[in-house]
Amino acid sequence: MMTKRQLGKLCAGIGLLAALVILALDVLFPGREGGFGPGQITALLVSIALFLLGMSLLPLGDDPA
């Protein structure tokens, strides 16, 4: 069974990784359509929200999720 701390670490890790991948897309493919589009902005906001959700679960400790 997962604890809230483990779930928080998982959500924060996935959110951070997703945000880094989204940001890296512009570095790896700079010639595409001139910057961030609405889809990238939405995905970046969702990944940041997931990261913040995960960070908010960390202090809740070892209670079952």
PDB file of N, CA and C in Angstrom:
ATOM      1  N   MET A   1       0.839  -1.178   0.000  1.00  0.00           N
ATOM      2  CA  MET A   1       0.000   0.000   0.000  1.00  0.00           C
ATOM      3  C   MET A   1       0.890   1.250   0.000  1.00  0.00           C
ATOM      4  N   MET A   2       0.495   2.230  -0.760  1.00  0.00           N
ATOM      5  CA  MET A   2       1.271   3.471  -0.861  1.00  0.00           C
ATOM      6  C   MET A   2       0.908   4.420   0.272  1.00  0.00           C
ATOM      7  N   THR A   3       1.921   5.121   0.731  1.00  0.00           N
ATOM      8  CA  THR A   3       1.674   6.177   1.708  1.00  0.00           C
ATOM      9  C   THR A   3       1.521   7.501   0.973  1.00  0.00           C
ATOM     10  N   LYS A   4       1.051   8.497   1.693  1.00  0.00           N
ATOM     11  CA  LYS A   4       0.881   9.814   1.084  1.00  0.00           C
ATOM     12  C   LYS A   4       2.228  10.396   0.679  1.00  0.00           C
ATOM     13  N   ARG A   5       3.261  10.117   1.452  1.00  0.00           N
ATOM     14  CA  ARG A   5       4.598  10.600   1.106  1.00  0.00           C
ATOM     15  C   ARG A   5       5.101   9.965  -0.184  1.00  0.00           C
ATOM     16  N   GLN A   6       4.888   8.653  -0.332  1.00  0.00           N
ATOM     17  CA  GLN A   6       5.311   7.979  -1.561  1.00  0.00           C
ATOM     18  C   GLN A   6       4.530   8.486  -2.768  1.00  0.00           C
ATOM     19  N   LEU A   7       3.232   8.671  -2.591  1.00  0.00           N
ATOM     20  CA  LEU A   7       2.409   9.195  -3.670  1.00  0.00           C
ATOM     21  C   LEU A   7       2.844  10.613  -4.032  1.00  0.00           C
ATOM     22  N   GLY A   8       3.194  11.407  -3.023  1.00  0.00           N
ATOM     23  CA  GLY A   8       3.683  12.760  -3.272  1.00  0.00           C
ATOM     24  C   GLY A   8       4.985  12.765  -4.051  1.00  0.00           C
ATOM     25  N   LYS A   9       5.902  11.884  -3.685  1.00  0.00           N
ATOM     26  CA  LYS A   9       7.169  11.786  -4.415  1.00  0.00           C
ATOM     27  C   LYS A   9       6.937  11.361  -5.861  1.00  0.00           C
ATOM     28  N   LEU A  10       6.017  10.417  -6.054  1.00  0.00           N
ATOM     29  CA  LEU A  10       5.717   9.948  -7.403  1.00  0.00           C
ATOM     30  C   LEU A  10       5.104  11.063  -8.253  1.00  0.00           C
ATOM     31  N   CYS A  11       4.117  11.764  -7.706  1.00  0.00           N
ATOM     32  CA  CYS A  11       3.460  12.852  -8.451  1.00  0.00           C
ATOM     33  C   CYS A  11       4.440  13.989  -8.735  1.00  0.00           C
ATOM     34  N   ALA A  12       5.239  14.350  -7.737  1.00  0.00           N
ATOM     35  CA  ALA A  12       6.202  15.428  -7.929  1.00  0.00           C
ATOM     36  C   ALA A  12       7.249  15.042  -8.970  1.00  0.00           C
ATOM     37  N   GLY A  13       7.708  13.806  -8.936  1.00  0.00           N
ATOM     38  CA  GLY A  13       8.687  13.348  -9.919  1.00  0.00           C
ATOM     39  C   GLY A  13       8.147  13.325 -11.329  1.00  0.00           C
ATOM     40  N   ILE A  14       6.929  12.830 -11.493  1.00  0.00           N
ATOM     41  CA  ILE A  14       6.319  12.795 -12.820  1.00  0.00           C
ATOM     42  C   ILE A  14       6.064  14.212 -13.331  1.00  0.00           C
ATOM     43  N   GLY A  15       5.560  15.080 -12.462  1.00  0.00           N
ATOM     44  CA  GLY A  15       5.303  16.463 -12.860  1.00  0.00           C
ATOM     45  C   GLY A  15       6.567  17.196 -13.256  1.00  0.00           C
ATOM     46  N   LEU A  16       7.635  17.010 -12.473  1.00  0.00           N
ATOM     47  CA  LEU A  16       8.908  17.666 -12.781  1.00  0.00           C
ATOM     48  C   LEU A  16       9.502  17.133 -14.082  1.00  0.00           C
ATOM     49  N   LEU A  17       9.465  15.826 -14.250  1.00  0.00           N
ATOM     50  CA  LEU A  17       9.997  15.221 -15.477  1.00  0.00           C
ATOM     51  C   LEU A  17       9.217  15.692 -16.703  1.00  0.00           C
ATOM     52  N   ALA A  18       7.904  15.735 -16.584  1.00  0.00           N
ATOM     53  CA  ALA A  18       7.078  16.189 -17.707  1.00  0.00           C
ATOM     54  C   ALA A  18       7.368  17.644 -18.049  1.00  0.00           C
ATOM     55  N   ALA A  19       7.507  18.495 -17.029  1.00  0.00           N
ATOM     56  CA  ALA A  19       7.802  19.907 -17.281  1.00  0.00           C
ATOM     57  C   ALA A  19       9.157  20.066 -17.964  1.00  0.00           C
ATOM     58  N   LEU A  20      10.148  19.297 -17.521  1.00  0.00           N
ATOM     59  CA  LEU A  20      11.469  19.387 -18.143  1.00  0.00           C
ATOM     60  C   LEU A  20      11.445  18.915 -19.593  1.00  0.00           C
ATOM     61  N   VAL A  21      10.692  17.865 -19.874  1.00  0.00           N
ATOM     62  CA  VAL A  21      10.585  17.373 -21.248  1.00  0.00           C
ATOM     63  C   VAL A  21       9.895  18.409 -22.129  1.00  0.00           C
ATOM     64  N   ILE A  22       8.839  19.025 -21.614  1.00  0.00           N
ATOM     65  CA  ILE A  22       8.120  20.037 -22.389  1.00  0.00           C
ATOM     66  C   ILE A  22       9.029  21.224 -22.694  1.00  0.00           C
ATOM     67  N   LEU A  23       9.787  21.649 -21.705  1.00  0.00           N
ATOM     68  CA  LEU A  23      10.713  22.765 -21.919  1.00  0.00           C
ATOM     69  C   LEU A  23      11.856  22.377 -22.859  1.00  0.00           C
ATOM     70  N   ALA A  24      12.298  21.122 -22.777  1.00  0.00           N
ATOM     71  CA  ALA A  24      13.392  20.667 -23.624  1.00  0.00           C
ATOM     72  C   ALA A  24      12.980  20.562 -25.090  1.00  0.00           C
ATOM     73  N   LEU A  25      11.700  20.414 -25.359  1.00  0.00           N
ATOM     74  CA  LEU A  25      11.250  20.328 -26.746  1.00  0.00           C
ATOM     75  C   LEU A  25      11.629  21.574 -27.538  1.00  0.00           C
ATOM     76  N   ASP A  26      11.551  22.745 -26.920  1.00  0.00           N
ATOM     77  CA  ASP A  26      11.926  23.962 -27.626  1.00  0.00           C
ATOM     78  C   ASP A  26      13.432  24.060 -27.843  1.00  0.00           C
ATOM     79  N   VAL A  27      14.209  23.458 -26.941  1.00  0.00           N
ATOM     80  CA  VAL A  27      15.662  23.467 -27.118  1.00  0.00           C
ATOM     81  C   VAL A  27      16.067  22.470 -28.204  1.00  0.00           C
ATOM     82  N   LEU A  28      15.432  21.299 -28.204  1.00  0.00           N
ATOM     83  CA  LEU A  28      15.791  20.255 -29.165  1.00  0.00           C
ATOM     84  C   LEU A  28      15.269  20.540 -30.571  1.00  0.00           C
ATOM     85  N   PHE A  29      14.112  21.166 -30.665  1.00  0.00           N
ATOM     86  CA  PHE A  29      13.493  21.464 -31.953  1.00  0.00           C
ATOM     87  C   PHE A  29      13.158  22.954 -32.038  1.00  0.00           C
ATOM     88  N   PRO A  30      14.171  23.811 -32.182  1.00  0.00           N
ATOM     89  CA  PRO A  30      13.925  25.259 -32.125  1.00  0.00           C
ATOM     90  C   PRO A  30      13.196  25.820 -33.341  1.00  0.00           C
ATOM     91  N   GLY A  31      13.185  25.138 -34.458  1.00  0.00           N
ATOM     92  CA  GLY A  31      12.607  25.699 -35.664  1.00  0.00           C
ATOM     93  C   GLY A  31      11.115  25.498 -35.816  1.00  0.00           C
ATOM     94  N   ARG A  32      10.504  24.846 -34.870  1.00  0.00           N
ATOM     95  CA  ARG A  32       9.085  24.518 -34.995  1.00  0.00           C
ATOM     96  C   ARG A  32       8.191  25.675 -34.566  1.00  0.00           C
ATOM     97  N   GLU A  33       7.450  26.221 -35.429  1.00  0.00           N
ATOM     98  CA  GLU A  33       6.347  27.130 -35.186  1.00  0.00           C
ATOM     99  C   GLU A  33       6.607  28.249 -34.181  1.00  0.00           C
ATOM    100  N   GLY A  34       7.816  28.629 -33.951  1.00  0.00           N
ATOM    101  CA  GLY A  34       8.127  29.817 -33.174  1.00  0.00           C
ATOM    102  C   GLY A  34       7.717  29.834 -31.720  1.00  0.00           C
ATOM    103  N   GLY A  35       8.102  28.865 -30.950  1.00  0.00           N
ATOM    104  CA  GLY A  35       7.872  28.940 -29.507  1.00  0.00           C
ATOM    105  C   GLY A  35       6.756  28.051 -29.008  1.00  0.00           C
ATOM    106  N   PHE A  36       6.259  28.411 -27.838  1.00  0.00           N
ATOM    107  CA  PHE A  36       5.227  27.616 -27.186  1.00  0.00           C
ATOM    108  C   PHE A  36       3.868  27.848 -27.833  1.00  0.00           C
ATOM    109  N   GLY A  37       3.160  26.768 -28.061  1.00  0.00           N
ATOM    110  CA  GLY A  37       1.790  26.856 -28.540  1.00  0.00           C
ATOM    111  C   GLY A  37       0.838  26.620 -27.382  1.00  0.00           C
ATOM    112  N   PRO A  38      -0.448  26.703 -27.650  1.00  0.00           N
ATOM    113  CA  PRO A  38      -1.415  26.516 -26.569  1.00  0.00           C
ATOM    114  C   PRO A  38      -1.384  25.115 -25.960  1.00  0.00           C
ATOM    115  N   GLY A  39      -1.077  24.126 -26.758  1.00  0.00           N
ATOM    116  CA  GLY A  39      -0.987  22.765 -26.229  1.00  0.00           C
ATOM    117  C   GLY A  39       0.177  22.598 -25.278  1.00  0.00           C
ATOM    118  N   GLN A  40       1.327  23.175 -25.651  1.00  0.00           N
ATOM    119  CA  GLN A  40       2.494  23.101 -24.775  1.00  0.00           C
ATOM    120  C   GLN A  40       2.268  23.870 -23.481  1.00  0.00           C
ATOM    121  N   ILE A  41       1.640  25.012 -23.571  1.00  0.00           N
ATOM    122  CA  ILE A  41       1.378  25.809 -22.369  1.00  0.00           C
ATOM    123  C   ILE A  41       0.433  25.056 -21.438  1.00  0.00           C
ATOM    124  N   THR A  42      -0.596  24.445 -21.998  1.00  0.00           N
ATOM    125  CA  THR A  42      -1.541  23.674 -21.190  1.00  0.00           C
ATOM    126  C   THR A  42      -0.847  22.488 -20.530  1.00  0.00           C
ATOM    127  N   ALA A  43      -0.038  21.767 -21.293  1.00  0.00           N
ATOM    128  CA  ALA A  43       0.677  20.619 -20.745  1.00  0.00           C
ATOM    129  C   ALA A  43       1.668  21.052 -19.665  1.00  0.00           C
ATOM    130  N   LEU A  44       2.315  22.190 -19.863  1.00  0.00           N
ATOM    131  CA  LEU A  44       3.256  22.696 -18.867  1.00  0.00           C
ATOM    132  C   LEU A  44       2.522  23.074 -17.582  1.00  0.00           C
ATOM    133  N   LEU A  45       1.379  23.721 -17.706  1.00  0.00           N
ATOM    134  CA  LEU A  45       0.600  24.093 -16.519  1.00  0.00           C
ATOM    135  C   LEU A  45       0.092  22.860 -15.773  1.00  0.00           C
ATOM    136  N   VAL A  46      -0.339  21.842 -16.500  1.00  0.00           N
ATOM    137  CA  VAL A  46      -0.809  20.611 -15.861  1.00  0.00           C
ATOM    138  C   VAL A  46       0.345  19.908 -15.147  1.00  0.00           C
ATOM    139  N   SER A  47       1.514  19.873 -15.779  1.00  0.00           N
ATOM    140  CA  SER A  47       2.657  19.215 -15.140  1.00  0.00           C
ATOM    141  C   SER A  47       3.124  19.989 -13.902  1.00  0.00           C
ATOM    142  N   ILE A  48       3.073  21.312 -13.950  1.00  0.00           N
ATOM    143  CA  ILE A  48       3.425  22.107 -12.767  1.00  0.00           C
ATOM    144  C   ILE A  48       2.404  21.873 -11.655  1.00  0.00           C
ATOM    145  N   ALA A  49       1.122  21.781 -12.018  1.00  0.00           N
ATOM    146  CA  ALA A  49       0.083  21.509 -11.019  1.00  0.00           C
ATOM    147  C   ALA A  49       0.287  20.133 -10.382  1.00  0.00           C
ATOM    148  N   LEU A  50       0.673  19.143 -11.185  1.00  0.00           N
ATOM    149  CA  LEU A  50       0.948  17.808 -10.654  1.00  0.00           C
ATOM    150  C   LEU A  50       2.140  17.839  -9.708  1.00  0.00           C
ATOM    151  N   PHE A  51       3.176  18.592 -10.064  1.00  0.00           N
ATOM    152  CA  PHE A  51       4.339  18.743  -9.198  1.00  0.00           C
ATOM    153  C   PHE A  51       3.936  19.378  -7.869  1.00  0.00           C
ATOM    154  N   LEU A  52       3.146  20.442  -7.920  1.00  0.00           N
ATOM    155  CA  LEU A  52       2.719  21.119  -6.694  1.00  0.00           C
ATOM    156  C   LEU A  52       1.813  20.227  -5.841  1.00  0.00           C
ATOM    157  N   LEU A  53       0.956  19.444  -6.486  1.00  0.00           N
ATOM    158  CA  LEU A  53       0.125  18.496  -5.757  1.00  0.00           C
ATOM    159  C   LEU A  53       1.000  17.478  -5.022  1.00  0.00           C
ATOM    160  N   GLY A  54       2.002  16.966  -5.730  1.00  0.00           N
ATOM    161  CA  GLY A  54       2.920  16.010  -5.105  1.00  0.00           C
ATOM    162  C   GLY A  54       3.680  16.621  -3.942  1.00  0.00           C
ATOM    163  N   MET A  55       4.124  17.860  -4.097  1.00  0.00           N
ATOM    164  CA  MET A  55       4.849  18.523  -3.016  1.00  0.00           C
ATOM    165  C   MET A  55       3.941  18.756  -1.803  1.00  0.00           C
ATOM    166  N   SER A  56       2.663  18.997  -2.047  1.00  0.00           N
ATOM    167  CA  SER A  56       1.747  19.216  -0.927  1.00  0.00           C
ATOM    168  C   SER A  56       1.462  17.923  -0.163  1.00  0.00           C
ATOM    169  N   LEU A  57       1.663  16.777  -0.788  1.00  0.00           N
ATOM    170  CA  LEU A  57       1.434  15.502  -0.113  1.00  0.00           C
ATOM    171  C   LEU A  57       2.623  15.066   0.746  1.00  0.00           C
ATOM    172  N   LEU A  58       3.800  15.585   0.475  1.00  0.00           N
ATOM    173  CA  LEU A  58       4.992  15.132   1.199  1.00  0.00           C
ATOM    174  C   LEU A  58       4.914  15.322   2.711  1.00  0.00           C
ATOM    175  N   PRO A  59       4.449  16.458   3.220  1.00  0.00           N
ATOM    176  CA  PRO A  59       4.448  16.623   4.679  1.00  0.00           C
ATOM    177  C   PRO A  59       3.381  15.804   5.404  1.00  0.00           C
ATOM    178  N   LEU A  60       2.503  15.132   4.677  1.00  0.00           N
ATOM    179  CA  LEU A  60       1.423  14.383   5.321  1.00  0.00           C
ATOM    180  C   LEU A  60       1.893  13.068   5.919  1.00  0.00           C
ATOM    181  N   GLY A  61       3.094  12.665   5.610  1.00  0.00           N
ATOM    182  CA  GLY A  61       3.701  11.537   6.293  1.00  0.00           C
ATOM    183  C   GLY A  61       3.328  10.168   5.752  1.00  0.00           C
ATOM    184  N   ASP A  62       3.314   9.213   6.675  1.00  0.00           N
ATOM    185  CA  ASP A  62       3.192   7.809   6.311  1.00  0.00           C
ATOM    186  C   ASP A  62       1.771   7.271   6.440  1.00  0.00           C
ATOM    187  N   ASP A  63       0.785   8.138   6.407  1.00  0.00           N
ATOM    188  CA  ASP A  63      -0.603   7.677   6.410  1.00  0.00           C
ATOM    189  C   ASP A  63      -0.924   7.046   5.069  1.00  0.00           C
ATOM    190  N   PRO A  64      -1.786   6.034   5.054  1.00  0.00           N
ATOM    191  CA  PRO A  64      -2.150   5.426   3.768  1.00  0.00           C
ATOM    192  C   PRO A  64      -2.834   6.436   2.841  1.00  0.00           C
ATOM    193  N   ALA A  65      -2.545   6.308   1.565  1.00  0.00           N
ATOM    194  CA  ALA A  65      -3.119   7.255   0.592  1.00  0.00           C
ATOM    195  C   ALA A  65      -4.533   6.887   0.250  1.00  0.00           C
TER     196      ALA A  65
END
